[in-house]
Amino acid sequence: MRYAKDHKEKTRQRIIEVAAQNFRERGFEGEGIASVMQGAGLTNGAFFNHFSSKEDLAREVVAYAMAERLDFLNERIATGGSTQAYIESYLSTRHRDNPQAGCPIATLVADVARRSEPVREAFAEGMDRLVSRLAEQWPGLPASEARGKAIALYALINGALQMARATKDNAMSEEILASGKQAALSLL
């Protein structure tokens, strides 16, 4: 049976999308190739037609998820969304409760730190693009100062989101989100 010319690329993309969702929810070590392939509607054996290893897939997932997050930020900015609206969306209960669809920084950063250099490079490249885009929201500041604010903002909202997710106490989780928002908004 012949497949369309783009079949292999579409299949590869489907694997990356499923893995991105699963890795954000369960981490790299909490998710296996078999589960990813099943989620993509494929057999385990098909994996190696697309990736040389799970680490190769992890690199692709990080690059994909970081690009997806940049697209999300760009959409918010393009539709007139403010940095304040981005902060409020980031530190929301919806984002807290749906890690599989959220920011890969908040879900994968600790895992990325323990991965291979290619995975960490993909993360660093994605982070650099996000920080650079966010820094553009302070056009009146010198570039290095705007970049510093963007880095501080991401560090703050990311840490607050991770802490809010980690606690089982809903009231404390809400308090962390609210405090994180207040501190982040003060950076504006």
N, C-alpha and C. Protein backbone atom coordinates (compact mmCIF):
# COMPACT_ATOMS: atom_id res chain seq x y z
N MET A 1 0.83 -1.18 0.00
CA MET A 1 0.00 0.00 0.00
C MET A 1 0.87 1.24 0.00
N ARG A 2 0.60 2.16 -0.91
CA ARG A 2 1.37 3.41 -1.00
C ARG A 2 0.73 4.47 -0.12
N TYR A 3 1.59 5.23 0.50
CA TYR A 3 1.14 6.35 1.34
C TYR A 3 1.41 7.66 0.62
N ALA A 4 0.69 8.69 1.02
CA ALA A 4 0.93 10.02 0.47
C ALA A 4 2.34 10.45 0.83
N LYS A 5 2.88 11.38 0.03
CA LYS A 5 4.26 11.83 0.24
C LYS A 5 4.51 12.35 1.66
N ASP A 6 3.54 13.00 2.23
CA ASP A 6 3.73 13.60 3.55
C ASP A 6 3.29 12.68 4.70
N HIS A 7 2.97 11.44 4.40
CA HIS A 7 2.49 10.52 5.43
C HIS A 7 3.50 10.35 6.57
N LYS A 8 4.76 10.13 6.23
CA LYS A 8 5.77 9.90 7.26
C LYS A 8 5.92 11.14 8.15
N GLU A 9 5.92 12.32 7.55
CA GLU A 9 6.05 13.55 8.35
C GLU A 9 4.83 13.77 9.23
N LYS A 10 3.65 13.50 8.71
CA LYS A 10 2.43 13.64 9.53
C LYS A 10 2.43 12.65 10.69
N THR A 11 2.89 11.44 10.44
CA THR A 11 2.96 10.42 11.49
C THR A 11 3.96 10.85 12.55
N ARG A 12 5.11 11.32 12.13
CA ARG A 12 6.14 11.80 13.06
C ARG A 12 5.58 12.94 13.91
N GLN A 13 4.88 13.86 13.28
CA GLN A 13 4.31 14.99 14.00
C GLN A 13 3.27 14.52 15.03
N ARG A 14 2.47 13.54 14.66
CA ARG A 14 1.47 13.00 15.58
C ARG A 14 2.16 12.38 16.80
N ILE A 15 3.25 11.66 16.59
CA ILE A 15 4.00 11.07 17.71
C ILE A 15 4.52 12.18 18.62
N ILE A 16 5.07 13.22 18.05
CA ILE A 16 5.61 14.34 18.84
C ILE A 16 4.50 15.01 19.64
N GLU A 17 3.35 15.22 19.04
CA GLU A 17 2.24 15.87 19.74
C GLU A 17 1.74 15.03 20.91
N VAL A 18 1.61 13.73 20.70
CA VAL A 18 1.17 12.84 21.78
C VAL A 18 2.23 12.82 22.88
N ALA A 19 3.48 12.69 22.50
CA ALA A 19 4.57 12.65 23.48
C ALA A 19 4.65 13.96 24.25
N ALA A 20 4.46 15.09 23.57
CA ALA A 20 4.52 16.39 24.25
C ALA A 20 3.46 16.48 25.33
N GLN A 21 2.28 16.02 25.01
CA GLN A 21 1.19 16.04 25.99
C GLN A 21 1.50 15.09 27.15
N ASN A 22 1.92 13.89 26.83
CA ASN A 22 2.19 12.88 27.85
C ASN A 22 3.40 13.25 28.71
N PHE A 23 4.47 13.75 28.10
CA PHE A 23 5.65 14.13 28.87
C PHE A 23 5.34 15.30 29.80
N ARG A 24 4.53 16.25 29.33
CA ARG A 24 4.17 17.38 30.21
C ARG A 24 3.34 16.89 31.40
N GLU A 25 2.57 15.87 31.19
CA GLU A 25 1.73 15.36 32.27
C GLU A 25 2.49 14.45 33.23
N ARG A 26 3.38 13.60 32.68
CA ARG A 26 4.02 12.57 33.51
C ARG A 26 5.54 12.66 33.58
N GLY A 27 6.15 13.58 32.86
CA GLY A 27 7.60 13.69 32.83
C GLY A 27 8.20 12.68 31.85
N PHE A 28 9.47 12.86 31.55
CA PHE A 28 10.14 11.97 30.60
C PHE A 28 10.25 10.55 31.13
N GLU A 29 10.58 10.42 32.40
CA GLU A 29 10.76 9.08 32.97
C GLU A 29 9.43 8.41 33.29
N GLY A 30 8.37 9.18 33.44
CA GLY A 30 7.07 8.62 33.77
C GLY A 30 6.28 8.17 32.56
N GLU A 31 6.86 8.33 31.40
CA GLU A 31 6.17 8.01 30.16
C GLU A 31 7.07 7.14 29.29
N GLY A 32 6.52 6.06 28.77
CA GLY A 32 7.30 5.16 27.93
C GLY A 32 6.94 5.27 26.47
N ILE A 33 7.78 4.72 25.65
CA ILE A 33 7.58 4.73 24.20
C ILE A 33 6.29 3.99 23.85
N ALA A 34 6.03 2.87 24.51
CA ALA A 34 4.84 2.07 24.19
C ALA A 34 3.56 2.90 24.36
N SER A 35 3.49 3.65 25.44
CA SER A 35 2.31 4.47 25.70
C SER A 35 2.16 5.60 24.68
N VAL A 36 3.28 6.22 24.33
CA VAL A 36 3.26 7.28 23.32
C VAL A 36 2.77 6.72 21.99
N MET A 37 3.32 5.60 21.60
CA MET A 37 2.96 5.02 20.30
C MET A 37 1.50 4.57 20.29
N GLN A 38 1.04 4.02 21.40
CA GLN A 38 -0.36 3.63 21.50
C GLN A 38 -1.25 4.87 21.36
N GLY A 39 -0.88 5.95 22.04
CA GLY A 39 -1.64 7.20 21.95
C GLY A 39 -1.67 7.77 20.55
N ALA A 40 -0.62 7.51 19.79
CA ALA A 40 -0.54 7.97 18.40
C ALA A 40 -1.21 6.99 17.44
N GLY A 41 -1.71 5.86 17.97
CA GLY A 41 -2.37 4.87 17.13
C GLY A 41 -1.40 4.04 16.31
N LEU A 42 -0.19 3.83 16.84
CA LEU A 42 0.85 3.11 16.11
C LEU A 42 1.43 1.99 16.96
N THR A 43 2.19 1.12 16.34
CA THR A 43 2.86 0.04 17.06
C THR A 43 4.21 0.52 17.57
N ASN A 44 4.73 -0.17 18.58
CA ASN A 44 6.05 0.18 19.11
C ASN A 44 7.12 0.13 18.04
N GLY A 45 7.03 -0.85 17.17
CA GLY A 45 8.04 -1.02 16.13
C GLY A 45 8.15 0.16 15.19
N ALA A 46 7.08 0.89 15.03
CA ALA A 46 7.10 2.06 14.13
C ALA A 46 7.91 3.22 14.70
N PHE A 47 8.16 3.19 16.00
CA PHE A 47 8.89 4.29 16.64
C PHE A 47 10.22 4.56 15.96
N PHE A 48 10.98 3.50 15.72
CA PHE A 48 12.34 3.66 15.20
C PHE A 48 12.38 4.03 13.72
N ASN A 49 11.23 4.09 13.07
CA ASN A 49 11.17 4.66 11.73
C ASN A 49 11.23 6.18 11.78
N HIS A 50 11.03 6.74 12.97
CA HIS A 50 10.93 8.20 13.12
C HIS A 50 11.98 8.79 14.05
N PHE A 51 12.45 8.01 15.03
CA PHE A 51 13.38 8.53 16.04
C PHE A 51 14.43 7.47 16.33
N SER A 52 15.63 7.93 16.64
CA SER A 52 16.71 6.98 16.93
C SER A 52 16.66 6.47 18.37
N SER A 53 16.00 7.24 19.26
CA SER A 53 15.95 6.87 20.67
C SER A 53 14.88 7.70 21.37
N LYS A 54 14.60 7.35 22.60
CA LYS A 54 13.67 8.15 23.40
C LYS A 54 14.26 9.54 23.63
N GLU A 55 15.57 9.62 23.76
CA GLU A 55 16.24 10.91 23.96
C GLU A 55 16.07 11.80 22.72
N ASP A 56 16.12 11.20 21.55
CA ASP A 56 15.87 11.93 20.31
C ASP A 56 14.44 12.47 20.30
N LEU A 57 13.50 11.65 20.73
CA LEU A 57 12.11 12.09 20.84
C LEU A 57 12.00 13.22 21.86
N ALA A 58 12.68 13.09 23.00
CA ALA A 58 12.63 14.12 24.04
C ALA A 58 13.11 15.46 23.48
N ARG A 59 14.17 15.45 22.70
CA ARG A 59 14.68 16.69 22.08
C ARG A 59 13.62 17.29 21.16
N GLU A 60 13.00 16.47 20.35
CA GLU A 60 11.97 16.96 19.44
C GLU A 60 10.76 17.50 20.20
N VAL A 61 10.39 16.83 21.26
CA VAL A 61 9.25 17.26 22.07
C VAL A 61 9.54 18.61 22.72
N VAL A 62 10.73 18.78 23.26
CA VAL A 62 11.08 20.06 23.90
C VAL A 62 11.04 21.18 22.87
N ALA A 63 11.63 20.96 21.70
CA ALA A 63 11.62 21.99 20.66
C ALA A 63 10.19 22.31 20.24
N TYR A 64 9.38 21.29 20.06
CA TYR A 64 7.97 21.47 19.66
C TYR A 64 7.19 22.22 20.73
N ALA A 65 7.31 21.78 21.98
CA ALA A 65 6.53 22.38 23.06
C ALA A 65 6.94 23.82 23.32
N MET A 66 8.23 24.12 23.20
CA MET A 66 8.68 25.50 23.39
C MET A 66 8.19 26.39 22.24
N ALA A 67 8.19 25.87 21.02
CA ALA A 67 7.65 26.63 19.88
C ALA A 67 6.15 26.85 20.05
N GLU A 68 5.47 25.84 20.56
CA GLU A 68 4.03 25.95 20.82
C GLU A 68 3.76 27.06 21.84
N ARG A 69 4.58 27.14 22.88
CA ARG A 69 4.42 28.17 23.91
C ARG A 69 4.70 29.56 23.32
N LEU A 70 5.69 29.66 22.44
CA LEU A 70 5.97 30.95 21.78
C LEU A 70 4.79 31.35 20.90
N ASP A 71 4.21 30.40 20.20
CA ASP A 71 3.02 30.69 19.39
C ASP A 71 1.88 31.21 20.27
N PHE A 72 1.71 30.60 21.43
CA PHE A 72 0.67 31.03 22.38
C PHE A 72 0.92 32.48 22.80
N LEU A 73 2.16 32.80 23.15
CA LEU A 73 2.50 34.16 23.55
C LEU A 73 2.28 35.12 22.38
N ASN A 74 2.72 34.75 21.19
CA ASN A 74 2.53 35.61 20.01
C ASN A 74 1.06 35.86 19.72
N GLU A 75 0.23 34.83 19.86
CA GLU A 75 -1.21 34.99 19.64
C GLU A 75 -1.80 35.99 20.63
N ARG A 76 -1.39 35.88 21.88
CA ARG A 76 -1.90 36.80 22.91
C ARG A 76 -1.51 38.24 22.58
N ILE A 77 -0.26 38.43 22.18
CA ILE A 77 0.22 39.77 21.86
C ILE A 77 -0.46 40.30 20.60
N ALA A 78 -0.59 39.46 19.58
CA ALA A 78 -1.19 39.87 18.31
C ALA A 78 -2.66 40.26 18.44
N THR A 79 -3.35 39.64 19.37
CA THR A 79 -4.77 39.95 19.54
C THR A 79 -4.99 41.04 20.59
N GLY A 80 -3.95 41.80 20.85
CA GLY A 80 -4.09 42.93 21.77
C GLY A 80 -3.99 42.55 23.23
N GLY A 81 -3.61 41.31 23.49
CA GLY A 81 -3.46 40.89 24.88
C GLY A 81 -2.26 41.55 25.52
N SER A 82 -2.40 41.91 26.75
CA SER A 82 -1.31 42.58 27.46
C SER A 82 -0.46 41.55 28.18
N THR A 83 0.69 42.00 28.64
CA THR A 83 1.53 41.14 29.46
C THR A 83 0.79 40.76 30.73
N GLN A 84 -0.03 41.68 31.24
CA GLN A 84 -0.84 41.40 32.42
C GLN A 84 -1.79 40.23 32.15
N ALA A 85 -2.44 40.23 30.99
CA ALA A 85 -3.35 39.13 30.64
C ALA A 85 -2.59 37.82 30.52
N TYR A 86 -1.37 37.87 29.99
CA TYR A 86 -0.55 36.66 29.88
C TYR A 86 -0.23 36.11 31.27
N ILE A 87 0.14 36.98 32.19
CA ILE A 87 0.44 36.57 33.57
C ILE A 87 -0.79 35.94 34.20
N GLU A 88 -1.93 36.59 34.05
CA GLU A 88 -3.16 36.07 34.65
C GLU A 88 -3.55 34.72 34.06
N SER A 89 -3.32 34.54 32.77
CA SER A 89 -3.60 33.25 32.14
C SER A 89 -2.63 32.19 32.64
N TYR A 90 -1.36 32.55 32.75
CA TYR A 90 -0.32 31.62 33.17
C TYR A 90 -0.57 31.14 34.60
N LEU A 91 -0.92 32.07 35.47
CA LEU A 91 -1.13 31.73 36.88
C LEU A 91 -2.61 31.55 37.20
N SER A 92 -3.27 30.81 36.35
CA SER A 92 -4.70 30.53 36.53
C SER A 92 -4.90 29.09 37.01
N THR A 93 -6.06 28.84 37.58
CA THR A 93 -6.36 27.47 38.00
C THR A 93 -6.48 26.56 36.77
N ARG A 94 -6.94 27.11 35.66
CA ARG A 94 -7.05 26.30 34.44
C ARG A 94 -5.68 25.79 34.00
N HIS A 95 -4.69 26.69 33.99
CA HIS A 95 -3.34 26.29 33.60
C HIS A 95 -2.75 25.33 34.64
N ARG A 96 -2.98 25.63 35.91
CA ARG A 96 -2.49 24.76 36.99
C ARG A 96 -3.04 23.35 36.84
N ASP A 97 -4.32 23.23 36.52
CA ASP A 97 -4.99 21.93 36.50
C ASP A 97 -4.84 21.16 35.20
N ASN A 98 -4.19 21.73 34.21
CA ASN A 98 -4.04 21.07 32.90
C ASN A 98 -2.59 21.11 32.42
N PRO A 99 -1.69 20.46 33.14
CA PRO A 99 -0.28 20.52 32.76
C PRO A 99 0.00 19.94 31.37
N GLN A 100 -0.80 18.97 30.95
CA GLN A 100 -0.58 18.33 29.65
C GLN A 100 -0.77 19.28 28.48
N ALA A 101 -1.49 20.36 28.70
CA ALA A 101 -1.75 21.32 27.62
C ALA A 101 -1.06 22.66 27.88
N GLY A 102 -0.29 22.74 28.95
CA GLY A 102 0.27 24.02 29.35
C GLY A 102 1.72 24.22 28.97
N CYS A 103 2.31 25.13 29.68
CA CYS A 103 3.69 25.55 29.42
C CYS A 103 4.67 24.42 29.73
N PRO A 104 5.54 24.09 28.78
CA PRO A 104 6.52 23.04 29.02
C PRO A 104 7.60 23.45 30.02
N ILE A 105 7.77 24.75 30.22
CA ILE A 105 8.77 25.19 31.18
C ILE A 105 8.37 24.70 32.57
N ALA A 106 7.11 24.91 32.92
CA ALA A 106 6.64 24.54 34.25
C ALA A 106 6.57 23.03 34.47
N THR A 107 6.45 22.26 33.42
CA THR A 107 6.31 20.82 33.60
C THR A 107 7.60 20.04 33.33
N LEU A 108 8.47 20.56 32.49
CA LEU A 108 9.62 19.77 32.07
C LEU A 108 10.98 20.30 32.52
N VAL A 109 11.01 21.49 33.12
CA VAL A 109 12.30 22.11 33.41
C VAL A 109 13.21 21.24 34.27
N ALA A 110 12.69 20.61 35.31
CA ALA A 110 13.54 19.77 36.16
C ALA A 110 14.02 18.54 35.39
N ASP A 111 13.15 17.97 34.57
CA ASP A 111 13.55 16.82 33.74
C ASP A 111 14.60 17.22 32.70
N VAL A 112 14.41 18.37 32.09
CA VAL A 112 15.35 18.84 31.06
C VAL A 112 16.74 18.99 31.64
N ALA A 113 16.83 19.48 32.87
CA ALA A 113 18.13 19.68 33.50
C ALA A 113 18.93 18.39 33.62
N ARG A 114 18.25 17.26 33.60
CA ARG A 114 18.92 15.96 33.73
C ARG A 114 19.06 15.23 32.39
N ARG A 115 18.70 15.88 31.32
CA ARG A 115 18.73 15.22 30.01
C ARG A 115 20.05 15.51 29.30
N SER A 116 20.17 15.00 28.10
CA SER A 116 21.38 15.17 27.29
C SER A 116 21.52 16.60 26.81
N GLU A 117 22.70 16.90 26.35
CA GLU A 117 22.97 18.25 25.84
C GLU A 117 22.02 18.66 24.72
N PRO A 118 21.71 17.80 23.75
CA PRO A 118 20.78 18.22 22.70
C PRO A 118 19.38 18.61 23.24
N VAL A 119 18.92 17.92 24.26
CA VAL A 119 17.63 18.26 24.85
C VAL A 119 17.73 19.61 25.55
N ARG A 120 18.80 19.82 26.30
CA ARG A 120 18.99 21.10 27.01
C ARG A 120 19.18 22.24 26.02
N GLU A 121 19.84 21.97 24.91
CA GLU A 121 20.01 23.00 23.88
C GLU A 121 18.66 23.40 23.27
N ALA A 122 17.81 22.42 23.00
CA ALA A 122 16.48 22.72 22.46
C ALA A 122 15.69 23.57 23.44
N PHE A 123 15.81 23.25 24.73
CA PHE A 123 15.13 24.04 25.76
C PHE A 123 15.68 25.46 25.79
N ALA A 124 17.00 25.59 25.80
CA ALA A 124 17.63 26.92 25.87
C ALA A 124 17.26 27.78 24.66
N GLU A 125 17.23 27.19 23.49
CA GLU A 125 16.84 27.94 22.29
C GLU A 125 15.39 28.41 22.39
N GLY A 126 14.51 27.54 22.84
CA GLY A 126 13.11 27.92 23.01
C GLY A 126 12.94 28.98 24.08
N MET A 127 13.66 28.83 25.18
CA MET A 127 13.59 29.81 26.27
C MET A 127 14.09 31.16 25.80
N ASP A 128 15.17 31.16 25.03
CA ASP A 128 15.71 32.42 24.51
C ASP A 128 14.69 33.13 23.62
N ARG A 129 14.01 32.39 22.78
CA ARG A 129 12.99 33.00 21.92
C ARG A 129 11.83 33.57 22.74
N LEU A 130 11.40 32.83 23.75
CA LEU A 130 10.32 33.31 24.61
C LEU A 130 10.72 34.58 25.36
N VAL A 131 11.89 34.57 25.95
CA VAL A 131 12.38 35.73 26.70
C VAL A 131 12.53 36.93 25.78
N SER A 132 13.10 36.70 24.60
CA SER A 132 13.28 37.80 23.65
C SER A 132 11.95 38.40 23.24
N ARG A 133 10.97 37.56 22.99
CA ARG A 133 9.64 38.06 22.60
C ARG A 133 8.98 38.82 23.73
N LEU A 134 9.07 38.28 24.93
CA LEU A 134 8.47 38.96 26.07
C LEU A 134 9.19 40.28 26.36
N ALA A 135 10.49 40.33 26.18
CA ALA A 135 11.26 41.56 26.42
C ALA A 135 10.79 42.70 25.52
N GLU A 136 10.24 42.37 24.37
CA GLU A 136 9.74 43.39 23.45
C GLU A 136 8.56 44.16 24.05
N GLN A 137 7.99 43.66 25.11
CA GLN A 137 6.85 44.32 25.74
C GLN A 137 7.27 45.52 26.58
N TRP A 138 8.57 45.73 26.72
CA TRP A 138 9.11 46.91 27.41
C TRP A 138 9.98 47.70 26.44
N PRO A 139 9.37 48.30 25.40
CA PRO A 139 10.16 48.97 24.37
C PRO A 139 10.91 50.21 24.88
N GLY A 140 10.47 50.79 25.97
CA GLY A 140 11.11 51.99 26.50
C GLY A 140 12.36 51.71 27.32
N LEU A 141 12.62 50.45 27.60
CA LEU A 141 13.78 50.09 28.40
C LEU A 141 14.96 49.71 27.51
N PRO A 142 16.18 49.89 28.01
CA PRO A 142 17.33 49.34 27.28
C PRO A 142 17.15 47.83 27.12
N ALA A 143 17.64 47.28 26.03
CA ALA A 143 17.42 45.87 25.70
C ALA A 143 17.84 44.92 26.83
N SER A 144 18.97 45.18 27.46
CA SER A 144 19.43 44.27 28.52
C SER A 144 18.51 44.34 29.74
N GLU A 145 17.99 45.52 30.04
CA GLU A 145 17.07 45.66 31.18
C GLU A 145 15.73 44.98 30.88
N ALA A 146 15.23 45.14 29.66
CA ALA A 146 13.98 44.50 29.27
C ALA A 146 14.14 42.97 29.29
N ARG A 147 15.27 42.49 28.83
CA ARG A 147 15.53 41.05 28.86
C ARG A 147 15.60 40.54 30.30
N GLY A 148 16.24 41.28 31.16
CA GLY A 148 16.31 40.92 32.57
C GLY A 148 14.93 40.83 33.21
N LYS A 149 14.06 41.79 32.86
CA LYS A 149 12.69 41.76 33.38
C LYS A 149 11.95 40.52 32.87
N ALA A 150 12.14 40.22 31.58
CA ALA A 150 11.46 39.06 30.99
C ALA A 150 11.93 37.77 31.65
N ILE A 151 13.22 37.65 31.90
CA ILE A 151 13.75 36.45 32.57
C ILE A 151 13.19 36.36 33.99
N ALA A 152 13.21 37.46 34.72
CA ALA A 152 12.68 37.47 36.08
C ALA A 152 11.19 37.11 36.09
N LEU A 153 10.45 37.63 35.12
CA LEU A 153 9.03 37.35 35.04
C LEU A 153 8.77 35.86 34.79
N TYR A 154 9.50 35.28 33.83
CA TYR A 154 9.32 33.84 33.58
C TYR A 154 9.72 33.01 34.79
N ALA A 155 10.81 33.36 35.43
CA ALA A 155 11.24 32.62 36.60
C ALA A 155 10.18 32.68 37.70
N LEU A 156 9.60 33.85 37.90
CA LEU A 156 8.61 34.03 38.94
C LEU A 156 7.33 33.26 38.64
N ILE A 157 6.78 33.43 37.44
CA ILE A 157 5.50 32.77 37.15
C ILE A 157 5.67 31.26 37.05
N ASN A 158 6.82 30.84 36.54
CA ASN A 158 7.07 29.40 36.45
C ASN A 158 7.18 28.78 37.83
N GLY A 159 7.94 29.40 38.70
CA GLY A 159 8.08 28.88 40.05
C GLY A 159 6.76 28.86 40.80
N ALA A 160 5.98 29.93 40.65
CA ALA A 160 4.68 29.98 41.33
C ALA A 160 3.76 28.88 40.82
N LEU A 161 3.75 28.65 39.51
CA LEU A 161 2.89 27.62 38.96
C LEU A 161 3.31 26.23 39.45
N GLN A 162 4.61 25.97 39.46
CA GLN A 162 5.09 24.68 39.94
C GLN A 162 4.72 24.45 41.41
N MET A 163 4.89 25.48 42.21
CA MET A 163 4.54 25.36 43.64
C MET A 163 3.04 25.14 43.81
N ALA A 164 2.22 25.87 43.04
CA ALA A 164 0.77 25.72 43.14
C ALA A 164 0.35 24.31 42.73
N ARG A 165 1.02 23.74 41.76
CA ARG A 165 0.70 22.37 41.33
C ARG A 165 1.14 21.35 42.35
N ALA A 166 2.22 21.63 43.06
CA ALA A 166 2.82 20.64 43.96
C ALA A 166 2.04 20.47 45.25
N THR A 167 1.32 21.48 45.68
CA THR A 167 0.62 21.37 46.95
C THR A 167 -0.72 20.68 46.78
N LYS A 168 -1.07 19.88 47.77
CA LYS A 168 -2.38 19.20 47.76
C LYS A 168 -3.45 20.07 48.41
N ASP A 169 -3.03 21.11 49.12
CA ASP A 169 -3.93 22.02 49.81
C ASP A 169 -4.44 23.06 48.82
N ASN A 170 -5.70 22.95 48.42
CA ASN A 170 -6.26 23.84 47.40
C ASN A 170 -6.20 25.31 47.82
N ALA A 171 -6.47 25.59 49.09
CA ALA A 171 -6.43 26.98 49.56
C ALA A 171 -5.01 27.54 49.44
N MET A 172 -4.03 26.75 49.80
CA MET A 172 -2.64 27.20 49.68
C MET A 172 -2.25 27.36 48.21
N SER A 173 -2.70 26.45 47.38
CA SER A 173 -2.42 26.54 45.95
C SER A 173 -2.98 27.84 45.37
N GLU A 174 -4.19 28.16 45.73
CA GLU A 174 -4.81 29.42 45.28
C GLU A 174 -4.03 30.62 45.80
N GLU A 175 -3.58 30.53 47.04
CA GLU A 175 -2.79 31.61 47.64
C GLU A 175 -1.47 31.80 46.89
N ILE A 176 -0.84 30.71 46.51
CA ILE A 176 0.41 30.78 45.75
C ILE A 176 0.17 31.45 44.39
N LEU A 177 -0.90 31.03 43.72
CA LEU A 177 -1.22 31.66 42.42
C LEU A 177 -1.46 33.16 42.58
N ALA A 178 -2.24 33.53 43.58
CA ALA A 178 -2.55 34.95 43.80
C ALA A 178 -1.30 35.75 44.15
N SER A 179 -0.45 35.21 45.01
CA SER A 179 0.78 35.90 45.39
C SER A 179 1.73 36.01 44.20
N GLY A 180 1.80 34.94 43.42
CA GLY A 180 2.63 34.97 42.21
C GLY A 180 2.17 36.03 41.23
N LYS A 181 0.84 36.11 41.04
CA LYS A 181 0.30 37.14 40.14
C LYS A 181 0.65 38.54 40.64
N GLN A 182 0.46 38.76 41.93
CA GLN A 182 0.74 40.08 42.50
C GLN A 182 2.21 40.44 42.30
N ALA A 183 3.11 39.53 42.59
CA ALA A 183 4.53 39.79 42.43
C ALA A 183 4.91 40.00 40.97
N ALA A 184 4.34 39.18 40.09
CA ALA A 184 4.63 39.31 38.65
C ALA A 184 4.11 40.64 38.11
N LEU A 185 2.93 41.01 38.51
CA LEU A 185 2.36 42.26 38.03
C LEU A 185 3.17 43.47 38.52
N SER A 186 3.80 43.33 39.66
CA SER A 186 4.64 44.43 40.16
C SER A 186 5.86 44.64 39.27
N LEU A 187 6.28 43.62 38.54
CA LEU A 187 7.39 43.76 37.61
C LEU A 187 7.03 44.60 36.38
N LEU A 188 5.73 44.72 36.13
CA LEU A 188 5.29 45.49 34.96
C LEU A 188 5.43 46.97 35.23
